[in-house]
Amino acid sequence: MNHGQTSTDVILIGAGIMSATLGTLLKELAPDWNIKVFEQLARAGEESSNEWNNAGTGHAALCELNYTTERPDGTIDISKAIKVNEQFQVSRQFWAYLVQRQLIHNPQDFIMPLPHMSYVRGEQNVKFLSKRYEAMSAHPLFQGMEFTQDPGKLREWVPLMMKDRKLEEPIAATKIDSGTDVNFGALTRMLLNHLKEKGVDIRYKHSVKKLKRTTDGLWELMVKDLNSGATERHTAKFVFIGAGGGSLHLLQKSGIPEGKRIGGFPVSGLFMVCNNPEVVEQHHAKVYGKASVGAPPMSVPHLDTRFIDNKKSLLFGPFAGFSPKFLKTGSMFDLITSVKPHNLLTMLAAGVKEMALTRYLIGQLMLSKEQRMEELRDFVPGAKSEDWDLIVAGQRVQVIKDTVEGGKGTLQFGTEVVSAADGSIAALLGASPGASTAVHVMLEVIEKCFPQYLEAWKPKIKEMIPSYGLSLSENPELFRTLQQSTAQALGLSGTKQEEASVS
């Protein structure tokens, strides 16, 4: 049965961190706009944003070795690490603004101070880490980073990792205390609760089935109420598709030319979680290692302290896997139904190019628990199988598109905004570092889709994000000031975070 049509200014599809962030930004910039959110699951942040479905690293490029590469001449390129860190600082400033204005409360429920570390073994890797440390610690954004090859020092930093370790080859680590653990599920729920209080209409168990352009330039959505089975029609001036793995299908349904010749490659992840509190207590850091040869960037092994529901946990992974679903709660036909005449050649080209990746993912899928434990023992030599359980993390859909550099069917790692030329609709595709850079990415959506309001909105944006329009790398004084003020607002002060930013 069909209900009457209801009109609104903005419709956000998906109740994850991206929609929650965009909705919160727009409510601050245009408080009188009507906003609706449709989510097909029963509550917010249940897919990629959920705390058990992502690593919660607060990707600030402090420990992820895949953001720094060695150039042919042996020097280290840290440009990507700088870029990702700058983007994370934008998120940090926005969260601090929300806490200071009492729009969200109890920041410790979603962010905790935690050292970020990189760890390597073997002579070549130790040389690389040493050069990386030299390059990064000299940069204002990464001041306070420490490097050691000393087993005694490493026992202080990571006792669990050094226990029972046979030192048969060189080993080294870097550590920086300004890292954090972020619970993006909790943050998503906080932001959506805030939006609800502000009068935003959030409808759970509502699935967007179709969307089309009307003659007067609006977007019309057919939305199914999964509880009653009724179909409703909703129109909006602007639509944002922030449905994680579900975004590609909805982008295709919109029919916008910008959504053509784009495909998706789903990758699932598994984590080992420690269920022994005694073991959990012996580790206090996020420690990232080096990906094995042939592994994709999202499969960098890491041993993470997590704070979930105010309880300390320990996770190791991710182990990649393959499933044709685009969402954890998706359909086995997601991949096949995403192949259209316009992206068929792109998808076929990617299939040929990524044979090694496919073989790697299938190999990962076939691993037994004991084989996964062997990988964990590279980090925790004395790990016992009975202390660790396997959990399934979220689905990620990597973007496949034709690029100048990579040619036809190139697999993209990262997040990407696809928007219509007139700015009336935008979709977010891709994966990591996603959630950590949500504020930066949603400001990009605002700049692309609302250029006519930007001049009027700029003062408010600057109030929310003081570094807006500036490079923190080029303004180290501003960076230090903001590092201190955001640490204070987010309850990260009184830790080594403060000392690192002042020194």
Protein backbone atom coordinates (compact mmCIF):
# COMPACT_ATOMS: atom_id res chain seq x y z
CA MET A 1 0.00 0.00 0.00
CA ASN A 2 1.19 3.50 -0.79
CA HIS A 3 1.20 6.40 1.60
CA GLY A 4 1.10 10.04 0.55
CA GLN A 5 4.23 11.87 -0.43
CA THR A 6 6.19 13.84 2.17
CA SER A 7 8.73 16.47 1.21
CA THR A 8 11.92 17.42 3.05
CA ASP A 9 15.17 19.34 2.51
CA VAL A 10 17.71 16.57 3.10
CA ILE A 11 17.47 12.77 3.16
CA LEU A 12 20.34 10.72 4.55
CA ILE A 13 20.36 7.01 3.63
CA GLY A 14 22.08 4.85 6.24
CA ALA A 15 22.55 5.52 9.96
CA GLY A 16 26.33 5.09 10.09
CA ILE A 17 29.13 7.48 11.04
CA MET A 18 29.03 9.27 7.66
CA SER A 19 25.31 10.19 7.69
CA ALA A 20 25.54 11.01 11.41
CA THR A 21 28.46 13.36 10.76
CA LEU A 22 26.90 15.05 7.73
CA GLY A 23 23.58 15.46 9.54
CA THR A 24 25.32 17.01 12.56
CA LEU A 25 27.33 19.43 10.38
CA LEU A 26 24.22 20.50 8.43
CA LYS A 27 22.17 20.98 11.61
CA GLU A 28 24.85 23.40 12.85
CA LEU A 29 25.10 25.22 9.49
CA ALA A 30 21.40 25.31 8.59
CA PRO A 31 19.40 24.66 11.79
CA ASP A 32 16.03 25.24 10.11
CA TRP A 33 16.47 22.60 7.39
CA ASN A 34 14.35 19.46 7.61
CA ILE A 35 16.40 16.26 7.68
CA LYS A 36 15.26 12.64 7.48
CA VAL A 37 17.35 9.50 8.00
CA PHE A 38 16.39 6.04 6.70
CA GLU A 39 18.15 2.94 8.04
CA GLN A 40 17.15 -0.60 7.12
CA LEU A 41 18.48 -2.12 10.37
CA ALA A 42 16.90 -1.75 13.81
CA ARG A 43 19.48 0.68 15.22
CA ALA A 44 22.31 3.07 14.38
CA GLY A 45 25.90 2.16 13.54
CA GLU A 46 25.33 -1.55 13.06
CA GLU A 47 27.39 -2.15 9.92
CA SER A 48 30.89 -0.74 9.17
CA SER A 49 30.63 1.89 11.93
CA ASN A 50 30.00 -0.73 14.62
CA GLU A 51 32.75 -1.01 17.22
CA TRP A 52 33.22 -4.74 16.58
CA ASN A 53 33.28 -4.28 12.80
CA ASN A 54 36.25 -1.92 12.52
CA ALA A 55 39.63 -1.47 14.19
CA GLY A 56 38.73 1.80 15.95
CA THR A 57 42.24 3.04 15.31
CA GLY A 58 41.34 6.65 14.86
CA HIS A 59 43.54 6.40 11.77
CA ALA A 60 45.97 9.25 12.34
CA ALA A 61 48.75 7.55 10.32
CA LEU A 62 50.86 7.29 13.48
CA CYS A 63 51.42 3.54 13.19
CA GLU A 64 50.13 2.28 9.83
CA LEU A 65 53.22 1.38 7.80
CA ASN A 66 51.28 1.27 4.51
CA TYR A 67 50.90 5.09 4.63
CA THR A 68 54.68 5.54 4.28
CA THR A 69 56.62 4.14 1.33
CA GLU A 70 60.27 3.84 0.46
CA ARG A 71 61.29 5.70 -2.70
CA PRO A 72 63.75 4.11 -5.17
CA ASP A 73 66.55 6.27 -3.71
CA GLY A 74 65.92 4.83 -0.22
CA THR A 75 64.28 7.95 1.27
CA ILE A 76 60.84 7.68 2.90
CA ASP A 77 57.75 9.35 1.45
CA ILE A 78 55.51 10.41 4.36
CA SER A 79 53.13 12.60 2.30
CA LYS A 80 50.18 10.19 2.62
CA ALA A 81 50.70 9.91 6.40
CA ILE A 82 50.66 13.72 6.66
CA LYS A 83 47.46 13.91 4.60
CA VAL A 84 45.63 11.26 6.68
CA ASN A 85 46.81 12.81 9.96
CA GLU A 86 45.59 16.27 8.89
CA GLN A 87 42.19 14.73 8.08
CA PHE A 88 42.00 13.01 11.48
CA GLN A 89 42.82 16.33 13.19
CA VAL A 90 39.70 17.80 11.51
CA SER A 91 37.56 15.05 13.10
CA ARG A 92 39.20 15.68 16.47
CA GLN A 93 38.45 19.42 16.32
CA PHE A 94 34.80 18.80 15.40
CA TRP A 95 34.30 16.26 18.20
CA ALA A 96 35.90 18.69 20.68
CA TYR A 97 33.51 21.45 19.47
CA LEU A 98 30.49 19.16 20.04
CA VAL A 99 31.65 18.29 23.57
CA GLN A 100 32.44 21.93 24.46
CA ARG A 101 28.96 23.00 23.27
CA GLN A 102 27.47 20.10 25.27
CA LEU A 103 25.86 18.71 22.10
CA ILE A 104 27.38 15.33 23.01
CA HIS A 105 28.56 14.21 26.46
CA ASN A 106 31.03 11.80 28.10
CA PRO A 107 33.72 11.72 25.41
CA GLN A 108 35.43 8.82 27.21
CA ASP A 109 32.54 6.66 25.97
CA PHE A 110 33.89 7.02 22.43
CA ILE A 111 37.55 8.12 22.61
CA MET A 112 40.43 7.04 24.85
CA PRO A 113 44.14 7.93 24.82
CA LEU A 114 46.26 4.99 23.67
CA PRO A 115 49.84 4.73 22.36
CA HIS A 116 50.15 3.85 18.66
CA MET A 117 53.10 1.66 17.72
CA SER A 118 54.71 0.17 14.61
CA TYR A 119 56.62 -3.09 14.99
CA VAL A 120 58.98 -4.91 12.60
CA ARG A 121 61.40 -7.83 12.54
CA GLY A 122 64.41 -8.52 10.32
CA GLU A 123 67.34 -6.35 9.29
CA GLN A 124 65.76 -4.75 6.20
CA ASN A 125 62.53 -3.91 8.01
CA VAL A 126 64.41 -2.44 10.99
CA LYS A 127 66.37 -0.19 8.59
CA PHE A 128 63.10 0.92 6.97
CA LEU A 129 61.47 1.66 10.34
CA SER A 130 64.52 3.64 11.49
CA LYS A 131 64.44 5.80 8.33
CA ARG A 132 60.66 6.21 8.68
CA TYR A 133 61.13 7.34 12.26
CA GLU A 134 63.78 9.92 11.21
CA ALA A 135 61.44 11.35 8.56
CA MET A 136 58.31 11.39 10.73
CA SER A 137 59.69 12.56 14.09
CA ALA A 138 61.18 15.62 12.34
CA HIS A 139 57.69 16.65 11.20
CA PRO A 140 55.50 18.84 13.50
CA LEU A 141 52.52 16.44 13.31
CA PHE A 142 54.53 13.46 14.54
CA GLN A 143 56.64 15.05 17.27
CA GLY A 144 57.07 12.90 20.34
CA MET A 145 57.55 9.66 18.36
CA GLU A 146 60.14 7.33 19.90
CA PHE A 147 62.16 4.54 18.26
CA THR A 148 63.92 1.60 19.90
CA GLN A 149 65.71 -1.65 19.06
CA ASP A 150 66.46 -2.30 22.71
CA PRO A 151 64.74 -5.48 23.98
CA GLY A 152 64.66 -4.01 27.51
CA LYS A 153 62.79 -0.92 26.32
CA LEU A 154 60.43 -3.10 24.27
CA ARG A 155 59.64 -5.14 27.40
CA GLU A 156 58.48 -1.89 29.03
CA TRP A 157 56.38 -0.88 26.02
CA VAL A 158 54.86 -4.26 25.07
CA PRO A 159 55.44 -6.86 27.82
CA LEU A 160 52.96 -9.31 26.30
CA MET A 161 54.72 -9.24 22.91
CA MET A 162 58.19 -9.72 24.44
CA LYS A 163 57.24 -12.56 26.81
CA ASP A 164 58.64 -15.94 25.60
CA ARG A 165 60.17 -14.24 22.52
CA LYS A 166 63.36 -15.79 21.10
CA LEU A 167 65.47 -12.89 19.83
CA GLU A 168 66.93 -14.58 16.74
CA GLU A 169 66.76 -11.50 14.49
CA PRO A 170 66.74 -7.70 14.89
CA ILE A 171 63.45 -6.28 16.17
CA ALA A 172 62.36 -2.63 16.42
CA ALA A 173 59.33 -0.48 17.22
CA THR A 174 58.20 3.13 17.22
CA LYS A 175 55.77 4.52 19.77
CA ILE A 176 53.82 7.75 19.94
CA ASP A 177 51.57 8.61 22.87
CA SER A 178 49.18 10.96 21.04
CA GLY A 179 47.25 8.01 19.56
CA THR A 180 43.66 7.16 20.47
CA ASP A 181 41.19 4.31 20.42
CA VAL A 182 37.87 5.43 18.94
CA ASN A 183 34.56 3.62 19.38
CA PHE A 184 32.83 4.74 16.17
CA GLY A 185 29.68 2.77 17.02
CA ALA A 186 29.22 4.72 20.26
CA LEU A 187 30.03 8.02 18.52
CA THR A 188 27.50 7.28 15.74
CA ARG A 189 24.76 6.58 18.30
CA MET A 190 25.62 9.77 20.23
CA LEU A 191 25.44 11.92 17.09
CA LEU A 192 22.12 10.41 16.00
CA ASN A 193 20.63 10.84 19.49
CA HIS A 194 21.68 14.49 19.32
CA LEU A 195 20.05 14.84 15.88
CA LYS A 196 16.86 13.24 17.16
CA GLU A 197 16.74 15.80 19.98
CA LYS A 198 17.14 18.50 17.32
CA GLY A 199 13.99 17.24 15.57
CA VAL A 200 15.58 15.09 12.86
CA ASP A 201 13.20 12.31 11.75
CA ILE A 202 15.16 9.02 12.05
CA ARG A 203 13.38 5.92 10.79
CA TYR A 204 14.86 2.50 11.50
CA LYS A 205 13.72 -0.65 9.67
CA HIS A 206 13.12 1.50 6.58
CA SER A 207 14.72 0.38 3.33
CA VAL A 208 15.13 2.65 0.29
CA LYS A 209 14.05 0.59 -2.74
CA LYS A 210 14.10 3.13 -5.57
CA LEU A 211 15.14 6.70 -6.18
CA LYS A 212 14.48 8.85 -9.22
CA ARG A 213 14.61 12.46 -10.33
CA THR A 214 11.27 14.28 -10.62
CA THR A 215 10.50 16.87 -13.30
CA ASP A 216 10.88 19.73 -10.80
CA GLY A 217 14.45 18.64 -9.93
CA LEU A 218 13.71 16.93 -6.61
CA TRP A 219 14.61 13.34 -5.73
CA GLU A 220 11.76 10.93 -5.08
CA LEU A 221 12.47 7.88 -2.92
CA MET A 222 10.33 4.77 -2.57
CA VAL A 223 10.89 3.62 1.01
CA LYS A 224 9.63 0.35 2.42
CA ASP A 225 8.70 0.19 6.11
CA LEU A 226 10.05 -3.26 6.99
CA ASN A 227 7.78 -3.55 10.02
CA SER A 228 4.44 -2.88 8.32
CA GLY A 229 5.40 -3.73 4.72
CA ALA A 230 3.96 -0.38 3.56
CA THR A 231 5.73 1.66 0.88
CA GLU A 232 6.13 5.39 1.38
CA ARG A 233 7.15 8.11 -1.04
CA HIS A 234 9.51 10.82 0.16
CA THR A 235 10.98 13.69 -1.82
CA ALA A 236 14.03 15.81 -1.01
CA LYS A 237 16.14 18.57 -2.53
CA PHE A 238 19.34 16.75 -1.52
CA VAL A 239 20.07 13.05 -0.93
CA PHE A 240 23.19 11.58 0.66
CA ILE A 241 23.82 7.85 0.22
CA GLY A 242 25.90 6.79 3.22
CA ALA A 243 24.87 3.16 3.25
CA GLY A 244 28.34 1.58 3.44
CA GLY A 245 28.48 -1.45 1.17
CA GLY A 246 24.87 -0.73 0.17
CA SER A 247 25.80 2.62 -1.41
CA LEU A 248 26.87 1.25 -4.81
CA HIS A 249 23.49 -0.32 -5.63
CA LEU A 250 21.65 2.87 -4.61
CA LEU A 251 24.06 5.03 -6.64
CA GLN A 252 23.35 2.82 -9.65
CA LYS A 253 19.58 3.16 -9.10
CA SER A 254 19.92 6.97 -9.10
CA GLY A 255 21.00 6.76 -12.75
CA ILE A 256 23.41 9.72 -12.50
CA PRO A 257 26.16 9.58 -15.15
CA GLU A 258 28.85 10.04 -12.48
CA GLY A 259 27.87 6.64 -11.03
CA LYS A 260 28.56 4.77 -14.28
CA ARG A 261 31.60 2.54 -14.88
CA ILE A 262 32.16 2.06 -11.14
CA GLY A 263 32.22 -1.39 -9.56
CA GLY A 264 32.73 -2.81 -6.10
CA PHE A 265 34.92 -5.58 -4.72
CA PRO A 266 33.75 -6.96 -1.36
CA VAL A 267 36.28 -8.02 1.27
CA SER A 268 35.27 -9.49 4.59
CA GLY A 269 37.39 -9.48 7.72
CA LEU A 270 37.87 -11.67 10.77
CA PHE A 271 39.46 -10.76 14.10
CA MET A 272 40.73 -12.87 16.97
CA VAL A 273 39.47 -11.50 20.30
CA CYS A 274 41.11 -12.39 23.62
CA ASN A 275 38.73 -13.67 26.28
CA ASN A 276 41.28 -13.94 29.10
CA PRO A 277 41.34 -10.74 31.25
CA GLU A 278 44.84 -11.58 32.58
CA VAL A 279 46.23 -11.50 29.03
CA VAL A 280 44.27 -8.35 28.10
CA GLU A 281 45.79 -6.50 31.08
CA GLN A 282 49.34 -7.12 29.80
CA HIS A 283 48.97 -5.03 26.64
CA HIS A 284 48.22 -1.32 26.32
CA ALA A 285 48.72 -0.06 22.75
CA LYS A 286 47.73 -0.43 19.13
CA VAL A 287 50.64 -2.18 17.44
CA TYR A 288 50.74 -2.37 13.64
CA GLY A 289 53.07 -4.72 11.79
CA LYS A 290 53.98 -5.06 8.13
CA ALA A 291 51.61 -6.72 5.66
CA SER A 292 52.86 -10.02 4.27
CA VAL A 293 53.93 -10.00 0.61
CA GLY A 294 50.90 -10.07 -1.68
CA ALA A 295 48.49 -8.97 1.05
CA PRO A 296 46.22 -5.97 0.34
CA PRO A 297 46.68 -2.75 2.39
CA MET A 298 43.59 -3.47 4.51
CA SER A 299 45.21 -6.69 5.77
CA VAL A 300 48.03 -5.14 7.80
CA PRO A 301 48.24 -7.28 10.98
CA HIS A 302 47.74 -5.40 14.25
CA LEU A 303 47.33 -6.17 17.94
CA ASP A 304 44.91 -3.66 19.45
CA THR A 305 43.82 -2.63 22.89
CA ARG A 306 40.16 -1.60 22.53
CA PHE A 307 37.78 0.13 24.92
CA ILE A 308 34.26 -1.10 24.23
CA ASP A 309 31.40 -0.40 26.66
CA ASN A 310 34.02 0.88 29.13
CA LYS A 311 35.67 -2.54 29.11
CA LYS A 312 39.20 -3.21 27.89
CA SER A 313 39.48 -5.81 25.11
CA LEU A 314 42.30 -7.16 22.97
CA LEU A 315 41.89 -7.84 19.26
CA PHE A 316 44.25 -9.25 16.64
CA GLY A 317 43.75 -9.25 12.89
CA PRO A 318 42.39 -8.65 10.42
CA PHE A 319 42.30 -11.88 8.50
CA ALA A 320 40.82 -11.06 5.12
CA GLY A 321 38.15 -13.20 3.56
CA PHE A 322 35.82 -13.17 0.62
CA SER A 323 32.04 -13.05 0.57
CA PRO A 324 29.90 -11.78 -2.33
CA LYS A 325 27.80 -9.78 0.18
CA PHE A 326 28.20 -5.98 0.17
CA LEU A 327 26.95 -5.68 3.77
CA LYS A 328 27.34 -8.04 6.72
CA THR A 329 23.52 -8.28 6.64
CA GLY A 330 23.50 -8.24 2.81
CA SER A 331 22.59 -10.78 0.13
CA MET A 332 24.77 -13.42 -1.55
CA PHE A 333 23.69 -11.83 -4.86
CA ASP A 334 25.08 -8.34 -4.04
CA LEU A 335 28.21 -8.70 -6.15
CA ILE A 336 26.53 -10.22 -9.20
CA THR A 337 23.64 -7.71 -9.21
CA SER A 338 26.13 -4.81 -9.06
CA VAL A 339 27.51 -5.79 -12.47
CA LYS A 340 25.78 -3.66 -15.15
CA PRO A 341 26.41 -3.19 -18.88
CA HIS A 342 28.25 0.09 -18.15
CA ASN A 343 30.70 -1.40 -15.62
CA LEU A 344 31.06 -4.92 -17.05
CA LEU A 345 34.39 -4.26 -18.83
CA THR A 346 35.75 -2.44 -15.77
CA MET A 347 34.80 -5.38 -13.54
CA LEU A 348 36.25 -7.96 -15.97
CA ALA A 349 39.52 -6.01 -16.22
CA ALA A 350 39.73 -5.90 -12.42
CA GLY A 351 39.06 -9.63 -12.25
CA VAL A 352 42.04 -10.33 -14.51
CA LYS A 353 44.29 -7.82 -12.70
CA GLU A 354 43.40 -8.94 -9.21
CA MET A 355 43.83 -12.71 -9.60
CA ALA A 356 46.63 -12.70 -7.01
CA LEU A 357 44.42 -10.81 -4.54
CA THR A 358 41.54 -13.23 -5.13
CA ARG A 359 43.88 -16.19 -4.52
CA TYR A 360 45.15 -14.47 -1.35
CA LEU A 361 41.60 -13.91 -0.03
CA ILE A 362 40.57 -17.49 -0.74
CA GLY A 363 43.76 -18.69 0.99
CA GLN A 364 42.91 -16.55 4.02
CA LEU A 365 39.40 -17.98 4.07
CA MET A 366 40.78 -21.53 4.21
CA LEU A 367 42.99 -20.90 7.27
CA SER A 368 42.27 -23.08 10.29
CA LYS A 369 42.14 -21.55 13.77
CA GLU A 370 45.59 -23.00 14.51
CA GLN A 371 47.05 -21.35 11.37
CA ARG A 372 45.55 -18.03 12.49
CA MET A 373 47.09 -18.59 15.94
CA GLU A 374 50.50 -19.02 14.26
CA GLU A 375 50.13 -15.54 12.72
CA LEU A 376 49.13 -14.15 16.12
CA ARG A 377 52.24 -15.76 17.67
CA ASP A 378 54.40 -13.50 15.53
CA PHE A 379 53.02 -10.77 17.83
CA VAL A 380 52.36 -12.77 21.00
CA PRO A 381 54.78 -15.73 21.07
CA GLY A 382 53.08 -17.38 24.05
CA ALA A 383 49.49 -17.03 22.78
CA LYS A 384 47.26 -19.98 23.77
CA SER A 385 44.42 -21.07 21.48
CA GLU A 386 41.93 -21.35 24.36
CA ASP A 387 42.38 -17.63 25.19
CA TRP A 388 41.28 -16.42 21.76
CA ASP A 389 37.97 -16.56 19.85
CA LEU A 390 37.22 -15.66 16.24
CA ILE A 391 34.76 -12.87 15.41
CA VAL A 392 33.53 -11.71 11.99
CA ALA A 393 34.18 -8.02 11.33
CA GLY A 394 32.32 -5.81 8.85
CA GLN A 395 32.18 -6.10 5.08
CA ARG A 396 34.19 -3.56 3.09
CA VAL A 397 33.50 -2.79 -0.55
CA GLN A 398 36.58 -1.45 -2.34
CA VAL A 399 35.89 0.79 -5.33
CA ILE A 400 36.81 -0.47 -8.81
CA LYS A 401 37.09 2.13 -11.56
CA ASP A 402 39.08 3.14 -14.61
CA THR A 403 41.91 5.51 -13.75
CA VAL A 404 44.61 7.30 -15.76
CA GLU A 405 47.41 5.79 -13.65
CA GLY A 406 46.06 2.27 -13.23
CA GLY A 407 44.09 1.87 -16.47
CA LYS A 408 40.86 -0.10 -16.76
CA GLY A 409 39.44 -1.84 -13.71
CA THR A 410 41.73 -0.43 -11.02
CA LEU A 411 41.03 -1.39 -7.42
CA GLN A 412 41.01 1.71 -5.19
CA PHE A 413 41.91 1.64 -1.51
CA GLY A 414 40.31 4.46 0.42
CA THR A 415 37.08 6.42 0.48
CA GLU A 416 35.51 8.24 -2.44
CA VAL A 417 32.67 10.72 -2.83
CA VAL A 418 30.64 10.48 -6.05
CA SER A 419 28.24 13.37 -6.60
CA ALA A 420 25.94 14.62 -9.38
CA ALA A 421 27.13 17.64 -11.36
CA ASP A 422 24.32 19.76 -9.87
CA GLY A 423 25.16 18.66 -6.29
CA SER A 424 21.66 17.28 -5.64
CA ILE A 425 22.88 13.80 -4.68
CA ALA A 426 26.13 12.36 -3.33
CA ALA A 427 27.25 8.86 -2.39
CA LEU A 428 30.17 7.68 -0.31
CA LEU A 429 31.96 4.56 -1.52
CA GLY A 430 35.04 2.68 -0.32
CA ALA A 431 36.59 1.78 3.00
CA SER A 432 39.52 2.61 5.30
CA PRO A 433 40.47 5.15 6.66
CA GLY A 434 36.76 6.00 6.33
CA ALA A 435 35.33 6.65 9.80
CA SER A 436 38.46 8.40 11.10
CA THR A 437 38.30 10.99 8.34
CA ALA A 438 34.48 11.29 8.30
CA VAL A 439 34.43 15.03 9.12
CA HIS A 440 36.92 15.88 6.36
CA VAL A 441 34.99 13.74 3.86
CA MET A 442 31.61 15.24 4.81
CA LEU A 443 33.02 18.78 4.49
CA GLU A 444 34.04 17.72 0.97
CA VAL A 445 30.40 16.71 0.34
CA ILE A 446 29.22 20.11 1.64
CA GLU A 447 31.73 21.98 -0.57
CA LYS A 448 30.73 19.96 -3.65
CA CYS A 449 26.98 19.97 -3.10
CA PHE A 450 26.24 23.32 -1.43
CA PRO A 451 28.67 25.78 -3.07
CA GLN A 452 26.01 28.52 -3.04
CA TYR A 453 25.97 28.56 0.80
CA LEU A 454 29.69 28.23 1.45
CA GLU A 455 30.50 31.90 1.85
CA ALA A 456 27.74 32.37 4.44
CA TRP A 457 28.67 29.13 6.23
CA LYS A 458 32.43 29.70 6.42
CA PRO A 459 32.47 31.55 9.80
CA LYS A 460 30.48 28.71 11.42
CA ILE A 461 32.72 26.05 9.83
CA LYS A 462 35.77 27.91 11.21
CA GLU A 463 34.15 27.96 14.64
CA MET A 464 33.65 24.17 14.51
CA ILE A 465 37.00 23.40 12.84
CA PRO A 466 39.48 26.21 13.63
CA SER A 467 42.05 24.89 11.13
CA TYR A 468 39.53 24.88 8.24
CA GLY A 469 41.22 26.06 5.04
CA LEU A 470 44.69 25.89 6.62
CA SER A 471 47.42 23.25 6.59
CA LEU A 472 48.41 22.23 10.11
CA SER A 473 51.80 21.08 8.77
CA GLU A 474 52.49 24.65 7.71
CA ASN A 475 51.12 26.09 10.98
CA PRO A 476 52.87 24.10 13.73
CA GLU A 477 51.92 26.64 16.42
CA LEU A 478 48.23 26.31 15.56
CA PHE A 479 48.62 22.51 15.55
CA ARG A 480 50.14 22.52 19.05
CA THR A 481 47.42 24.83 20.38
CA LEU A 482 44.65 22.68 18.88
CA GLN A 483 46.29 19.44 20.03
CA GLN A 484 46.16 20.76 23.60
CA SER A 485 42.64 22.23 23.46
CA THR A 486 41.11 19.14 21.81
CA ALA A 487 42.95 16.83 24.25
CA GLN A 488 41.41 18.83 27.10
CA ALA A 489 37.88 18.85 25.64
CA LEU A 490 37.97 15.12 24.81
CA GLY A 491 39.34 14.09 28.19
CA LEU A 492 42.69 13.05 26.74
CA SER A 493 44.68 15.54 28.86
CA GLY A 494 46.77 14.69 31.85
CA THR A 495 48.18 11.95 29.66
CA LYS A 496 51.39 11.83 27.69
CA GLN A 497 49.31 13.31 24.83
CA GLU A 498 49.60 16.75 26.47
CA GLU A 499 53.31 16.44 27.14
CA ALA A 500 53.98 15.28 23.58
CA SER A 501 52.12 18.26 22.10
CA VAL A 502 53.91 20.76 24.33
CA SER A 503 57.45 19.41 23.97
